[in-house]
Amino acid sequence: MSGFKKFLMQGNVIDLAVAVVIGAAFTSIVNSFVADLLTPLISAFGGLPDFSTLKMTVGESNFMYGNFINAIISFLIIAAVVYFLIVKPYTHFKDRNAAAEEAKTRECPECLTEIPKAATRCSACTTTLSSV
């Protein structure tokens, strides 16, 4: 039981739970934005009062394809926000840190072992190195 408690108290699990709750709240905001503001604005130019009222009837069945259009618009907005506010900045941050990490080391010219840039002797082959 203590292992389960330790697992639940890890930062990863708590961070993930917070992200799921915030993601659900954000999704409801985007869905409301699409259904209440964006689609009426788009449909004003097309002459339709709302996409959610669009449907196709086949026999006794109604296919509410207007709700599907709203869902596609919501998905595209959420995907764009996640990409531009999370993925793109994280990728930039990761690339910048990788460049800084590379600048701290160099290869030994004799054995090609990665060594600190400030090293004057290779720890693997003990070759004396020239200063950078």
N, C-alpha and C. Protein backbone atom coordinates (compact mmCIF):
# COMPACT_ATOMS: atom_id res chain seq x y z
N MET A 1 0.82 -1.20 0.00
CA MET A 1 0.00 0.00 0.00
C MET A 1 0.86 1.26 0.00
N SER A 2 2.04 1.18 0.62
CA SER A 2 2.89 2.37 0.66
C SER A 2 3.43 2.70 -0.72
N GLY A 3 3.64 1.68 -1.56
CA GLY A 3 4.08 1.93 -2.93
C GLY A 3 3.04 2.68 -3.73
N PHE A 4 1.76 2.33 -3.53
CA PHE A 4 0.67 3.02 -4.22
C PHE A 4 0.58 4.46 -3.76
N LYS A 5 0.74 4.69 -2.45
CA LYS A 5 0.70 6.05 -1.91
C LYS A 5 1.86 6.87 -2.48
N LYS A 6 3.04 6.25 -2.56
CA LYS A 6 4.20 6.94 -3.12
C LYS A 6 3.96 7.30 -4.59
N PHE A 7 3.36 6.36 -5.34
CA PHE A 7 3.04 6.61 -6.74
C PHE A 7 2.08 7.79 -6.88
N LEU A 8 1.04 7.83 -6.06
CA LEU A 8 0.05 8.92 -6.15
C LEU A 8 0.63 10.27 -5.75
N MET A 9 1.60 10.27 -4.87
CA MET A 9 2.16 11.52 -4.39
C MET A 9 3.31 12.04 -5.26
N GLN A 10 3.67 11.29 -6.29
CA GLN A 10 4.71 11.77 -7.21
C GLN A 10 4.22 13.03 -7.91
N GLY A 11 5.12 13.89 -8.25
CA GLY A 11 4.76 15.12 -8.94
C GLY A 11 4.12 14.87 -10.29
N ASN A 12 4.53 13.81 -10.99
CA ASN A 12 4.00 13.53 -12.32
C ASN A 12 2.50 13.28 -12.29
N VAL A 13 2.02 12.49 -11.32
CA VAL A 13 0.61 12.14 -11.25
C VAL A 13 -0.22 13.37 -10.92
N ILE A 14 0.25 14.17 -9.97
CA ILE A 14 -0.49 15.37 -9.58
C ILE A 14 -0.50 16.37 -10.72
N ASP A 15 0.63 16.56 -11.40
CA ASP A 15 0.69 17.47 -12.55
C ASP A 15 -0.26 17.02 -13.65
N LEU A 16 -0.30 15.72 -13.89
CA LEU A 16 -1.19 15.19 -14.92
C LEU A 16 -2.66 15.41 -14.56
N ALA A 17 -3.00 15.20 -13.29
CA ALA A 17 -4.38 15.42 -12.85
C ALA A 17 -4.78 16.89 -13.01
N VAL A 18 -3.89 17.79 -12.65
CA VAL A 18 -4.17 19.22 -12.82
C VAL A 18 -4.33 19.56 -14.30
N ALA A 19 -3.48 18.99 -15.14
CA ALA A 19 -3.57 19.25 -16.58
C ALA A 19 -4.88 18.76 -17.16
N VAL A 20 -5.35 17.61 -16.72
CA VAL A 20 -6.62 17.08 -17.22
C VAL A 20 -7.78 17.98 -16.82
N VAL A 21 -7.79 18.43 -15.57
CA VAL A 21 -8.87 19.32 -15.10
C VAL A 21 -8.85 20.64 -15.85
N ILE A 22 -7.68 21.23 -16.00
CA ILE A 22 -7.58 22.50 -16.73
C ILE A 22 -7.93 22.29 -18.20
N GLY A 23 -7.52 21.18 -18.78
CA GLY A 23 -7.86 20.88 -20.17
C GLY A 23 -9.35 20.74 -20.37
N ALA A 24 -10.04 20.10 -19.43
CA ALA A 24 -11.50 19.96 -19.53
C ALA A 24 -12.17 21.32 -19.42
N ALA A 25 -11.70 22.16 -18.52
CA ALA A 25 -12.27 23.51 -18.39
C ALA A 25 -12.01 24.33 -19.65
N PHE A 26 -10.81 24.22 -20.19
CA PHE A 26 -10.48 24.94 -21.41
C PHE A 26 -11.33 24.46 -22.58
N THR A 27 -11.56 23.16 -22.64
CA THR A 27 -12.40 22.61 -23.71
C THR A 27 -13.81 23.15 -23.65
N SER A 28 -14.37 23.27 -22.46
CA SER A 28 -15.73 23.83 -22.36
C SER A 28 -15.76 25.29 -22.76
N ILE A 29 -14.71 26.03 -22.46
CA ILE A 29 -14.64 27.43 -22.89
C ILE A 29 -14.57 27.52 -24.41
N VAL A 30 -13.74 26.70 -25.03
CA VAL A 30 -13.62 26.72 -26.49
C VAL A 30 -14.92 26.28 -27.14
N ASN A 31 -15.55 25.24 -26.61
CA ASN A 31 -16.82 24.79 -27.17
C ASN A 31 -17.88 25.88 -27.09
N SER A 32 -17.93 26.59 -25.97
CA SER A 32 -18.87 27.70 -25.84
C SER A 32 -18.54 28.81 -26.82
N PHE A 33 -17.26 29.12 -26.98
CA PHE A 33 -16.84 30.15 -27.93
C PHE A 33 -17.28 29.79 -29.34
N VAL A 34 -17.08 28.53 -29.72
CA VAL A 34 -17.44 28.09 -31.06
C VAL A 34 -18.96 28.11 -31.25
N ALA A 35 -19.69 27.51 -30.31
CA ALA A 35 -21.14 27.39 -30.46
C ALA A 35 -21.87 28.71 -30.31
N ASP A 36 -21.41 29.56 -29.39
CA ASP A 36 -22.15 30.79 -29.07
C ASP A 36 -21.66 32.03 -29.80
N LEU A 37 -20.41 32.04 -30.24
CA LEU A 37 -19.87 33.25 -30.87
C LEU A 37 -19.39 33.04 -32.31
N LEU A 38 -18.54 32.03 -32.50
CA LEU A 38 -17.89 31.88 -33.80
C LEU A 38 -18.84 31.37 -34.88
N THR A 39 -19.56 30.27 -34.63
CA THR A 39 -20.43 29.74 -35.68
C THR A 39 -21.58 30.68 -36.02
N PRO A 40 -22.18 31.39 -35.05
CA PRO A 40 -23.19 32.38 -35.47
C PRO A 40 -22.59 33.49 -36.33
N LEU A 41 -21.35 33.87 -36.04
CA LEU A 41 -20.68 34.90 -36.84
C LEU A 41 -20.41 34.37 -38.25
N ILE A 42 -19.92 33.14 -38.35
CA ILE A 42 -19.68 32.54 -39.67
C ILE A 42 -20.99 32.34 -40.41
N SER A 43 -22.00 31.86 -39.71
CA SER A 43 -23.28 31.59 -40.38
C SER A 43 -24.02 32.86 -40.75
N ALA A 44 -23.67 33.99 -40.14
CA ALA A 44 -24.30 35.26 -40.51
C ALA A 44 -23.97 35.59 -41.97
N PHE A 45 -22.78 35.22 -42.40
CA PHE A 45 -22.40 35.47 -43.79
C PHE A 45 -23.02 34.45 -44.73
N GLY A 46 -23.33 33.26 -44.21
CA GLY A 46 -23.94 32.21 -45.03
C GLY A 46 -25.45 32.19 -44.96
N GLY A 47 -26.05 32.98 -44.07
CA GLY A 47 -27.49 33.06 -43.97
C GLY A 47 -28.12 32.04 -43.04
N LEU A 48 -27.33 31.17 -42.40
CA LEU A 48 -27.88 30.19 -41.47
C LEU A 48 -27.78 30.74 -40.05
N PRO A 49 -28.79 30.50 -39.21
CA PRO A 49 -28.75 31.04 -37.86
C PRO A 49 -27.71 30.36 -36.96
N ASP A 50 -27.47 29.06 -37.15
CA ASP A 50 -26.53 28.34 -36.30
C ASP A 50 -26.19 27.01 -36.96
N PHE A 51 -24.94 26.59 -36.87
CA PHE A 51 -24.54 25.31 -37.46
C PHE A 51 -25.19 24.13 -36.75
N SER A 52 -25.43 24.26 -35.45
CA SER A 52 -25.94 23.11 -34.70
C SER A 52 -27.33 22.69 -35.14
N THR A 53 -28.05 23.54 -35.85
CA THR A 53 -29.39 23.19 -36.32
C THR A 53 -29.35 22.44 -37.65
N LEU A 54 -28.21 22.36 -38.27
CA LEU A 54 -28.10 21.64 -39.55
C LEU A 54 -28.27 20.15 -39.32
N LYS A 55 -29.15 19.56 -40.08
CA LYS A 55 -29.34 18.12 -39.94
C LYS A 55 -29.82 17.54 -41.26
N MET A 56 -29.65 16.23 -41.39
CA MET A 56 -30.10 15.51 -42.56
C MET A 56 -30.98 14.37 -42.04
N THR A 57 -32.16 14.24 -42.61
CA THR A 57 -33.09 13.21 -42.17
C THR A 57 -33.15 12.10 -43.20
N VAL A 58 -32.94 10.87 -42.75
CA VAL A 58 -33.03 9.69 -43.59
C VAL A 58 -34.00 8.76 -42.88
N GLY A 59 -35.19 8.63 -43.44
CA GLY A 59 -36.22 7.81 -42.81
C GLY A 59 -36.64 8.45 -41.49
N GLU A 60 -36.44 7.72 -40.40
CA GLU A 60 -36.77 8.22 -39.06
C GLU A 60 -35.56 8.80 -38.34
N SER A 61 -34.39 8.69 -38.94
CA SER A 61 -33.15 9.09 -38.26
C SER A 61 -32.74 10.50 -38.67
N ASN A 62 -32.27 11.27 -37.66
CA ASN A 62 -31.72 12.60 -37.90
C ASN A 62 -30.21 12.55 -37.72
N PHE A 63 -29.49 13.02 -38.70
CA PHE A 63 -28.04 13.13 -38.62
C PHE A 63 -27.70 14.59 -38.40
N MET A 64 -27.21 14.90 -37.18
CA MET A 64 -26.93 16.28 -36.79
C MET A 64 -25.50 16.65 -37.22
N TYR A 65 -25.31 16.86 -38.49
CA TYR A 65 -23.96 17.17 -38.98
C TYR A 65 -23.52 18.58 -38.60
N GLY A 66 -24.45 19.45 -38.22
CA GLY A 66 -24.08 20.79 -37.74
C GLY A 66 -23.30 20.72 -36.45
N ASN A 67 -23.69 19.82 -35.54
CA ASN A 67 -22.92 19.63 -34.31
C ASN A 67 -21.53 19.10 -34.61
N PHE A 68 -21.43 18.27 -35.64
CA PHE A 68 -20.13 17.75 -36.05
C PHE A 68 -19.24 18.88 -36.57
N ILE A 69 -19.82 19.80 -37.32
CA ILE A 69 -19.05 20.96 -37.80
C ILE A 69 -18.55 21.78 -36.62
N ASN A 70 -19.42 22.00 -35.61
CA ASN A 70 -18.99 22.72 -34.40
C ASN A 70 -17.85 21.99 -33.71
N ALA A 71 -17.93 20.66 -33.64
CA ALA A 71 -16.88 19.88 -32.99
C ALA A 71 -15.57 19.99 -33.76
N ILE A 72 -15.62 19.99 -35.08
CA ILE A 72 -14.40 20.13 -35.88
C ILE A 72 -13.77 21.50 -35.65
N ILE A 73 -14.58 22.55 -35.63
CA ILE A 73 -14.05 23.90 -35.38
C ILE A 73 -13.43 23.98 -34.00
N SER A 74 -14.10 23.40 -32.99
CA SER A 74 -13.56 23.38 -31.62
C SER A 74 -12.22 22.66 -31.58
N PHE A 75 -12.15 21.50 -32.24
CA PHE A 75 -10.91 20.74 -32.26
C PHE A 75 -9.77 21.55 -32.89
N LEU A 76 -10.05 22.21 -34.01
CA LEU A 76 -9.00 22.98 -34.68
C LEU A 76 -8.52 24.14 -33.82
N ILE A 77 -9.44 24.79 -33.10
CA ILE A 77 -9.04 25.89 -32.22
C ILE A 77 -8.18 25.37 -31.07
N ILE A 78 -8.62 24.27 -30.44
CA ILE A 78 -7.86 23.69 -29.33
C ILE A 78 -6.49 23.24 -29.82
N ALA A 79 -6.44 22.58 -30.97
CA ALA A 79 -5.15 22.12 -31.51
C ALA A 79 -4.22 23.30 -31.79
N ALA A 80 -4.75 24.38 -32.34
CA ALA A 80 -3.93 25.56 -32.62
C ALA A 80 -3.41 26.19 -31.33
N VAL A 81 -4.26 26.30 -30.32
CA VAL A 81 -3.83 26.88 -29.04
C VAL A 81 -2.76 26.00 -28.40
N VAL A 82 -2.97 24.71 -28.37
CA VAL A 82 -1.98 23.80 -27.78
C VAL A 82 -0.66 23.90 -28.54
N TYR A 83 -0.72 23.95 -29.86
CA TYR A 83 0.51 24.02 -30.64
C TYR A 83 1.26 25.33 -30.39
N PHE A 84 0.55 26.46 -30.49
CA PHE A 84 1.23 27.75 -30.39
C PHE A 84 1.57 28.16 -28.96
N LEU A 85 0.85 27.68 -27.97
CA LEU A 85 1.13 28.09 -26.59
C LEU A 85 1.92 27.04 -25.79
N ILE A 86 1.96 25.80 -26.26
CA ILE A 86 2.67 24.77 -25.51
C ILE A 86 3.78 24.13 -26.34
N VAL A 87 3.44 23.56 -27.49
CA VAL A 87 4.42 22.79 -28.27
C VAL A 87 5.52 23.68 -28.83
N LYS A 88 5.16 24.76 -29.47
CA LYS A 88 6.16 25.63 -30.10
C LYS A 88 7.11 26.25 -29.07
N PRO A 89 6.61 26.85 -27.96
CA PRO A 89 7.55 27.38 -26.96
C PRO A 89 8.42 26.29 -26.33
N TYR A 90 7.84 25.11 -26.07
CA TYR A 90 8.61 24.02 -25.47
C TYR A 90 9.72 23.56 -26.42
N THR A 91 9.41 23.44 -27.69
CA THR A 91 10.41 23.03 -28.68
C THR A 91 11.53 24.06 -28.76
N HIS A 92 11.17 25.33 -28.74
CA HIS A 92 12.17 26.40 -28.77
C HIS A 92 13.07 26.33 -27.53
N PHE A 93 12.44 26.15 -26.36
CA PHE A 93 13.18 26.05 -25.10
C PHE A 93 14.10 24.84 -25.11
N LYS A 94 13.61 23.70 -25.58
CA LYS A 94 14.39 22.46 -25.62
C LYS A 94 15.58 22.62 -26.58
N ASP A 95 15.36 23.22 -27.75
CA ASP A 95 16.44 23.42 -28.71
C ASP A 95 17.51 24.36 -28.16
N ARG A 96 17.08 25.41 -27.47
CA ARG A 96 18.03 26.37 -26.90
C ARG A 96 18.86 25.71 -25.80
N ASN A 97 18.23 24.90 -24.97
CA ASN A 97 18.97 24.19 -23.93
C ASN A 97 19.91 23.15 -24.51
N ALA A 98 19.51 22.50 -25.59
CA ALA A 98 20.38 21.52 -26.24
C ALA A 98 21.63 22.20 -26.80
N ALA A 99 21.47 23.39 -27.36
CA ALA A 99 22.61 24.13 -27.89
C ALA A 99 23.56 24.53 -26.76
N ALA A 100 23.01 24.93 -25.63
CA ALA A 100 23.84 25.30 -24.49
C ALA A 100 24.55 24.07 -23.92
N GLU A 101 23.88 22.93 -23.94
CA GLU A 101 24.46 21.68 -23.45
C GLU A 101 25.61 21.25 -24.35
N GLU A 102 25.49 21.40 -25.65
CA GLU A 102 26.55 21.03 -26.59
C GLU A 102 27.78 21.90 -26.40
N ALA A 103 27.59 23.14 -26.05
CA ALA A 103 28.70 24.07 -25.92
C ALA A 103 29.59 23.73 -24.72
N LYS A 104 29.15 22.88 -23.80
CA LYS A 104 29.92 22.57 -22.61
C LYS A 104 30.91 21.43 -22.82
N THR A 105 30.80 20.71 -23.92
CA THR A 105 31.69 19.57 -24.14
C THR A 105 32.33 19.65 -25.53
N ARG A 106 33.37 18.81 -25.70
CA ARG A 106 34.02 18.66 -26.99
C ARG A 106 34.55 17.23 -27.09
N GLU A 107 35.02 16.85 -28.26
CA GLU A 107 35.56 15.51 -28.45
C GLU A 107 37.07 15.53 -28.32
N CYS A 108 37.58 14.46 -27.73
CA CYS A 108 39.03 14.29 -27.68
C CYS A 108 39.49 13.97 -29.11
N PRO A 109 40.53 14.65 -29.62
CA PRO A 109 40.98 14.39 -30.99
C PRO A 109 41.61 13.00 -31.18
N GLU A 110 42.04 12.36 -30.10
CA GLU A 110 42.69 11.05 -30.20
C GLU A 110 41.68 9.90 -30.13
N CYS A 111 40.83 9.90 -29.08
CA CYS A 111 39.95 8.75 -28.86
C CYS A 111 38.47 9.08 -29.12
N LEU A 112 38.17 10.33 -29.43
CA LEU A 112 36.81 10.81 -29.74
C LEU A 112 35.83 10.68 -28.57
N THR A 113 36.35 10.60 -27.35
CA THR A 113 35.51 10.59 -26.15
C THR A 113 35.03 12.01 -25.89
N GLU A 114 33.80 12.14 -25.44
CA GLU A 114 33.27 13.46 -25.12
C GLU A 114 33.82 13.89 -23.77
N ILE A 115 34.45 15.09 -23.76
CA ILE A 115 35.08 15.60 -22.53
C ILE A 115 34.63 17.03 -22.31
N PRO A 116 34.77 17.55 -21.09
CA PRO A 116 34.44 18.95 -20.84
C PRO A 116 35.33 19.87 -21.67
N LYS A 117 34.79 20.99 -22.07
CA LYS A 117 35.55 21.93 -22.90
C LYS A 117 36.78 22.47 -22.20
N ALA A 118 36.69 22.63 -20.89
CA ALA A 118 37.82 23.21 -20.15
C ALA A 118 38.90 22.19 -19.81
N ALA A 119 38.71 20.92 -20.14
CA ALA A 119 39.69 19.88 -19.79
C ALA A 119 41.00 20.08 -20.54
N THR A 120 42.10 19.80 -19.85
CA THR A 120 43.41 19.88 -20.49
C THR A 120 43.99 18.49 -20.74
N ARG A 121 43.32 17.44 -20.20
CA ARG A 121 43.76 16.06 -20.41
C ARG A 121 42.51 15.20 -20.54
N CYS A 122 42.51 14.29 -21.50
CA CYS A 122 41.39 13.38 -21.72
C CYS A 122 41.35 12.35 -20.61
N SER A 123 40.19 12.14 -20.01
CA SER A 123 40.07 11.17 -18.92
C SER A 123 40.08 9.72 -19.42
N ALA A 124 39.83 9.51 -20.70
CA ALA A 124 39.81 8.15 -21.23
C ALA A 124 41.17 7.69 -21.71
N CYS A 125 41.86 8.54 -22.48
CA CYS A 125 43.15 8.11 -23.08
C CYS A 125 44.34 8.88 -22.53
N THR A 126 44.11 9.82 -21.65
CA THR A 126 45.12 10.67 -20.97
C THR A 126 45.95 11.51 -21.92
N THR A 127 45.44 11.77 -23.12
CA THR A 127 46.14 12.65 -24.06
C THR A 127 46.09 14.07 -23.53
N THR A 128 47.22 14.78 -23.63
CA THR A 128 47.26 16.19 -23.26
C THR A 128 46.60 16.98 -24.38
N LEU A 129 45.68 17.84 -24.00
CA LEU A 129 44.90 18.58 -24.98
C LEU A 129 45.29 20.05 -24.97
N SER A 130 45.16 20.68 -26.12
CA SER A 130 45.41 22.12 -26.18
C SER A 130 44.18 22.84 -25.62
N SER A 131 44.39 24.00 -25.07
CA SER A 131 43.27 24.76 -24.51
C SER A 131 42.40 25.30 -25.63
N VAL A 132 41.15 25.53 -25.32
CA VAL A 132 40.17 25.94 -26.34
C VAL A 132 40.35 27.38 -26.70
